[in-house]
Amino acid sequence: MTTALHSEMHQDHLVWKAESGLWCDEVEFWNTETDRMEQQLREMLELLGSHRDALREHLAAIERRRESEDLHELQLALYEMGEAGLELPVLARVHQQTAEEQIRQRDAHVRLRRYHHTLAALCMVLSRACRAPL
């Protein structure tokens, strides 16, 4: 009976050694993978900075457009009151250009919204995954 017990114990040790060897290999791979993830996160932070810049530029463009619209509205009101200023054909041409710019800006805003929401959702998922208990 003792020989069988010793044999079983030796067999267990061999299995455990093989298993722990696999674990060591996996952890070494995970360390390499973690190095890559850190690099990717640094790159993502740079890209996030570019996204923030794009948001600032978009906001500035919206504000410029609003100022332009206010001026156009004022010019139209002055024309209607008979004040000197731009003639109706010029106002109509400016209005058409403004309408086209509004469409371009709307399209840009929709693209930016989708991109931003995708980034925010994926960042939330990554953040939750990183915070999950081991």
C-alpha atoms as a PDB file:
ATOM      1  CA  MET A   1       0.000   0.000   0.000  1.00  0.00           C
ATOM      2  CA  THR A   2       2.850   2.373   0.770  1.00  0.00           C
ATOM      3  CA  THR A   3       4.381   1.886  -2.676  1.00  0.00           C
ATOM      4  CA  ALA A   4       1.103   2.763  -4.342  1.00  0.00           C
ATOM      5  CA  LEU A   5       0.774   5.860  -2.189  1.00  0.00           C
ATOM      6  CA  HIS A   6       4.330   6.951  -3.016  1.00  0.00           C
ATOM      7  CA  SER A   7       3.692   6.359  -6.702  1.00  0.00           C
ATOM      8  CA  GLU A   8       0.504   8.436  -6.599  1.00  0.00           C
ATOM      9  CA  MET A   9       2.288  11.251  -4.813  1.00  0.00           C
ATOM     10  CA  HIS A  10       5.092  11.241  -7.415  1.00  0.00           C
ATOM     11  CA  GLN A  11       2.485  11.283 -10.173  1.00  0.00           C
ATOM     12  CA  ASP A  12       0.725  14.241  -8.531  1.00  0.00           C
ATOM     13  CA  HIS A  13       4.035  16.096  -8.326  1.00  0.00           C
ATOM     14  CA  LEU A  14       4.696  15.559 -12.028  1.00  0.00           C
ATOM     15  CA  VAL A  15       1.212  16.824 -12.941  1.00  0.00           C
ATOM     16  CA  TRP A  16       1.584  19.839 -10.644  1.00  0.00           C
ATOM     17  CA  LYS A  17       5.021  20.661 -12.045  1.00  0.00           C
ATOM     18  CA  ALA A  18       3.697  20.526 -15.622  1.00  0.00           C
ATOM     19  CA  GLU A  19       0.700  22.618 -14.660  1.00  0.00           C
ATOM     20  CA  SER A  20       2.746  25.252 -12.843  1.00  0.00           C
ATOM     21  CA  GLY A  21       5.167  25.358 -15.787  1.00  0.00           C
ATOM     22  CA  LEU A  22       2.248  26.187 -18.059  1.00  0.00           C
ATOM     23  CA  TRP A  23       1.154  28.875 -15.627  1.00  0.00           C
ATOM     24  CA  CYS A  24       4.644  30.424 -15.681  1.00  0.00           C
ATOM     25  CA  ASP A  25       4.604  30.460 -19.482  1.00  0.00           C
ATOM     26  CA  GLU A  26       1.194  32.107 -19.481  1.00  0.00           C
ATOM     27  CA  VAL A  27       2.228  34.784 -16.972  1.00  0.00           C
ATOM     28  CA  GLU A  28       5.349  35.576 -19.019  1.00  0.00           C
ATOM     29  CA  PHE A  29       3.158  35.934 -22.110  1.00  0.00           C
ATOM     30  CA  TRP A  30       0.713  38.114 -20.167  1.00  0.00           C
ATOM     31  CA  ASN A  31       3.586  40.361 -19.070  1.00  0.00           C
ATOM     32  CA  THR A  32       4.616  40.833 -22.700  1.00  0.00           C
ATOM     33  CA  GLU A  33       1.003  41.439 -23.624  1.00  0.00           C
ATOM     34  CA  THR A  34       0.669  43.967 -20.784  1.00  0.00           C
ATOM     35  CA  ASP A  35       3.699  45.856 -22.142  1.00  0.00           C
ATOM     36  CA  ARG A  36       1.879  46.089 -25.485  1.00  0.00           C
ATOM     37  CA  MET A  37      -1.321  47.224 -23.766  1.00  0.00           C
ATOM     38  CA  GLU A  38       0.586  49.983 -21.937  1.00  0.00           C
ATOM     39  CA  GLN A  39       1.998  51.180 -25.256  1.00  0.00           C
ATOM     40  CA  GLN A  40      -1.459  51.096 -26.818  1.00  0.00           C
ATOM     41  CA  LEU A  41      -2.850  53.104 -23.893  1.00  0.00           C
ATOM     42  CA  ARG A  42      -0.127  55.749 -24.353  1.00  0.00           C
ATOM     43  CA  GLU A  43      -1.050  55.937 -28.038  1.00  0.00           C
ATOM     44  CA  MET A  44      -4.742  56.135 -27.144  1.00  0.00           C
ATOM     45  CA  LEU A  45      -4.060  59.033 -24.767  1.00  0.00           C
ATOM     46  CA  GLU A  46      -2.393  60.906 -27.617  1.00  0.00           C
ATOM     47  CA  LEU A  47      -5.354  60.145 -29.876  1.00  0.00           C
ATOM     48  CA  LEU A  48      -7.721  61.258 -27.137  1.00  0.00           C
ATOM     49  CA  GLY A  49      -5.835  64.565 -27.029  1.00  0.00           C
ATOM     50  CA  SER A  50      -6.379  64.887 -30.769  1.00  0.00           C
ATOM     51  CA  HIS A  51     -10.064  64.153 -30.231  1.00  0.00           C
ATOM     52  CA  ARG A  52     -10.228  66.925 -27.629  1.00  0.00           C
ATOM     53  CA  ASP A  53      -8.587  69.295 -30.138  1.00  0.00           C
ATOM     54  CA  ALA A  54     -11.178  68.292 -32.739  1.00  0.00           C
ATOM     55  CA  LEU A  55     -13.956  69.037 -30.232  1.00  0.00           C
ATOM     56  CA  ARG A  56     -12.508  72.497 -29.605  1.00  0.00           C
ATOM     57  CA  GLU A  57     -12.231  73.173 -33.338  1.00  0.00           C
ATOM     58  CA  HIS A  58     -15.787  71.973 -33.902  1.00  0.00           C
ATOM     59  CA  LEU A  59     -17.114  74.215 -31.130  1.00  0.00           C
ATOM     60  CA  ALA A  60     -15.219  77.200 -32.548  1.00  0.00           C
ATOM     61  CA  ALA A  61     -16.680  76.494 -35.999  1.00  0.00           C
ATOM     62  CA  ILE A  62     -20.185  76.320 -34.528  1.00  0.00           C
ATOM     63  CA  GLU A  63     -19.673  79.633 -32.744  1.00  0.00           C
ATOM     64  CA  ARG A  64     -18.356  81.278 -35.925  1.00  0.00           C
ATOM     65  CA  ARG A  65     -21.362  79.983 -37.845  1.00  0.00           C
ATOM     66  CA  ARG A  66     -23.743  81.346 -35.227  1.00  0.00           C
ATOM     67  CA  GLU A  67     -22.099  84.762 -35.438  1.00  0.00           C
ATOM     68  CA  SER A  68     -22.347  84.629 -39.222  1.00  0.00           C
ATOM     69  CA  GLU A  69     -26.023  83.665 -38.994  1.00  0.00           C
ATOM     70  CA  ASP A  70     -26.697  86.577 -36.623  1.00  0.00           C
ATOM     71  CA  LEU A  71     -25.021  88.973 -39.056  1.00  0.00           C
ATOM     72  CA  HIS A  72     -26.993  87.542 -41.971  1.00  0.00           C
ATOM     73  CA  GLU A  73     -30.243  87.881 -40.008  1.00  0.00           C
ATOM     74  CA  LEU A  74     -29.385  91.505 -39.190  1.00  0.00           C
ATOM     75  CA  GLN A  75     -28.584  92.257 -42.834  1.00  0.00           C
ATOM     76  CA  LEU A  76     -31.889  90.731 -43.903  1.00  0.00           C
ATOM     77  CA  ALA A  77     -33.794  92.760 -41.291  1.00  0.00           C
ATOM     78  CA  LEU A  78     -32.056  95.959 -42.436  1.00  0.00           C
ATOM     79  CA  TYR A  79     -32.958  95.193 -46.043  1.00  0.00           C
ATOM     80  CA  GLU A  80     -36.594  94.675 -45.066  1.00  0.00           C
ATOM     81  CA  MET A  81     -36.608  98.036 -43.260  1.00  0.00           C
ATOM     82  CA  GLY A  82     -35.231  99.710 -46.374  1.00  0.00           C
ATOM     83  CA  GLU A  83     -31.851 100.458 -44.858  1.00  0.00           C
ATOM     84  CA  ALA A  84     -28.773 100.628 -47.034  1.00  0.00           C
ATOM     85  CA  GLY A  85     -26.867  97.385 -47.198  1.00  0.00           C
ATOM     86  CA  LEU A  86     -26.804  94.249 -49.249  1.00  0.00           C
ATOM     87  CA  GLU A  87     -29.322  93.745 -52.038  1.00  0.00           C
ATOM     88  CA  LEU A  88     -31.709  90.793 -51.988  1.00  0.00           C
ATOM     89  CA  PRO A  89     -29.843  88.738 -54.645  1.00  0.00           C
ATOM     90  CA  VAL A  90     -26.667  89.012 -52.556  1.00  0.00           C
ATOM     91  CA  LEU A  91     -28.579  88.116 -49.382  1.00  0.00           C
ATOM     92  CA  ALA A  92     -30.106  85.123 -51.168  1.00  0.00           C
ATOM     93  CA  ARG A  93     -26.667  83.941 -52.310  1.00  0.00           C
ATOM     94  CA  VAL A  94     -25.277  84.333 -48.786  1.00  0.00           C
ATOM     95  CA  HIS A  95     -28.307  82.479 -47.448  1.00  0.00           C
ATOM     96  CA  GLN A  96     -27.699  79.569 -49.852  1.00  0.00           C
ATOM     97  CA  GLN A  97     -24.043  79.388 -48.818  1.00  0.00           C
ATOM     98  CA  THR A  98     -25.102  79.460 -45.175  1.00  0.00           C
ATOM     99  CA  ALA A  99     -27.587  76.631 -45.770  1.00  0.00           C
ATOM    100  CA  GLU A 100     -24.901  74.516 -47.443  1.00  0.00           C
ATOM    101  CA  GLU A 101     -22.494  75.171 -44.595  1.00  0.00           C
ATOM    102  CA  GLN A 102     -25.213  74.215 -42.097  1.00  0.00           C
ATOM    103  CA  ILE A 103     -25.604  70.844 -43.838  1.00  0.00           C
ATOM    104  CA  ARG A 104     -21.832  70.235 -43.815  1.00  0.00           C
ATOM    105  CA  GLN A 105     -21.615  71.191 -40.164  1.00  0.00           C
ATOM    106  CA  ARG A 106     -24.595  68.980 -39.264  1.00  0.00           C
ATOM    107  CA  ASP A 107     -22.940  66.013 -41.010  1.00  0.00           C
ATOM    108  CA  ALA A 108     -19.662  66.707 -39.224  1.00  0.00           C
ATOM    109  CA  HIS A 109     -21.486  66.956 -35.912  1.00  0.00           C
ATOM    110  CA  VAL A 110     -23.221  63.609 -36.431  1.00  0.00           C
ATOM    111  CA  ARG A 111     -19.894  61.932 -37.290  1.00  0.00           C
ATOM    112  CA  LEU A 112     -18.226  63.512 -34.266  1.00  0.00           C
ATOM    113  CA  ARG A 113     -21.106  62.467 -31.994  1.00  0.00           C
ATOM    114  CA  ARG A 114     -20.901  58.838 -33.173  1.00  0.00           C
ATOM    115  CA  TYR A 115     -17.128  58.765 -32.787  1.00  0.00           C
ATOM    116  CA  HIS A 116     -17.285  60.359 -29.344  1.00  0.00           C
ATOM    117  CA  HIS A 117     -20.012  58.028 -28.073  1.00  0.00           C
ATOM    118  CA  THR A 118     -18.079  55.014 -29.353  1.00  0.00           C
ATOM    119  CA  LEU A 119     -14.917  56.183 -27.575  1.00  0.00           C
ATOM    120  CA  ALA A 120     -16.785  56.916 -24.360  1.00  0.00           C
ATOM    121  CA  ALA A 121     -18.523  53.528 -24.353  1.00  0.00           C
ATOM    122  CA  LEU A 122     -15.340  51.590 -25.064  1.00  0.00           C
ATOM    123  CA  CYS A 123     -13.407  53.544 -22.436  1.00  0.00           C
ATOM    124  CA  MET A 124     -16.132  52.760 -19.908  1.00  0.00           C
ATOM    125  CA  VAL A 125     -15.932  49.047 -20.741  1.00  0.00           C
ATOM    126  CA  LEU A 126     -12.133  49.078 -20.476  1.00  0.00           C
ATOM    127  CA  SER A 127     -12.259  51.004 -17.206  1.00  0.00           C
ATOM    128  CA  ARG A 128     -14.745  48.552 -15.704  1.00  0.00           C
ATOM    129  CA  ALA A 129     -12.670  45.589 -16.880  1.00  0.00           C
ATOM    130  CA  CYS A 130      -9.538  47.067 -15.281  1.00  0.00           C
ATOM    131  CA  ARG A 131     -11.390  47.644 -12.002  1.00  0.00           C
ATOM    132  CA  ALA A 132     -12.911  44.155 -11.864  1.00  0.00           C
ATOM    133  CA  PRO A 133     -11.707  42.122  -8.905  1.00  0.00           C
ATOM    134  CA  LEU A 134      -9.184  39.416  -9.702  1.00  0.00           C
END
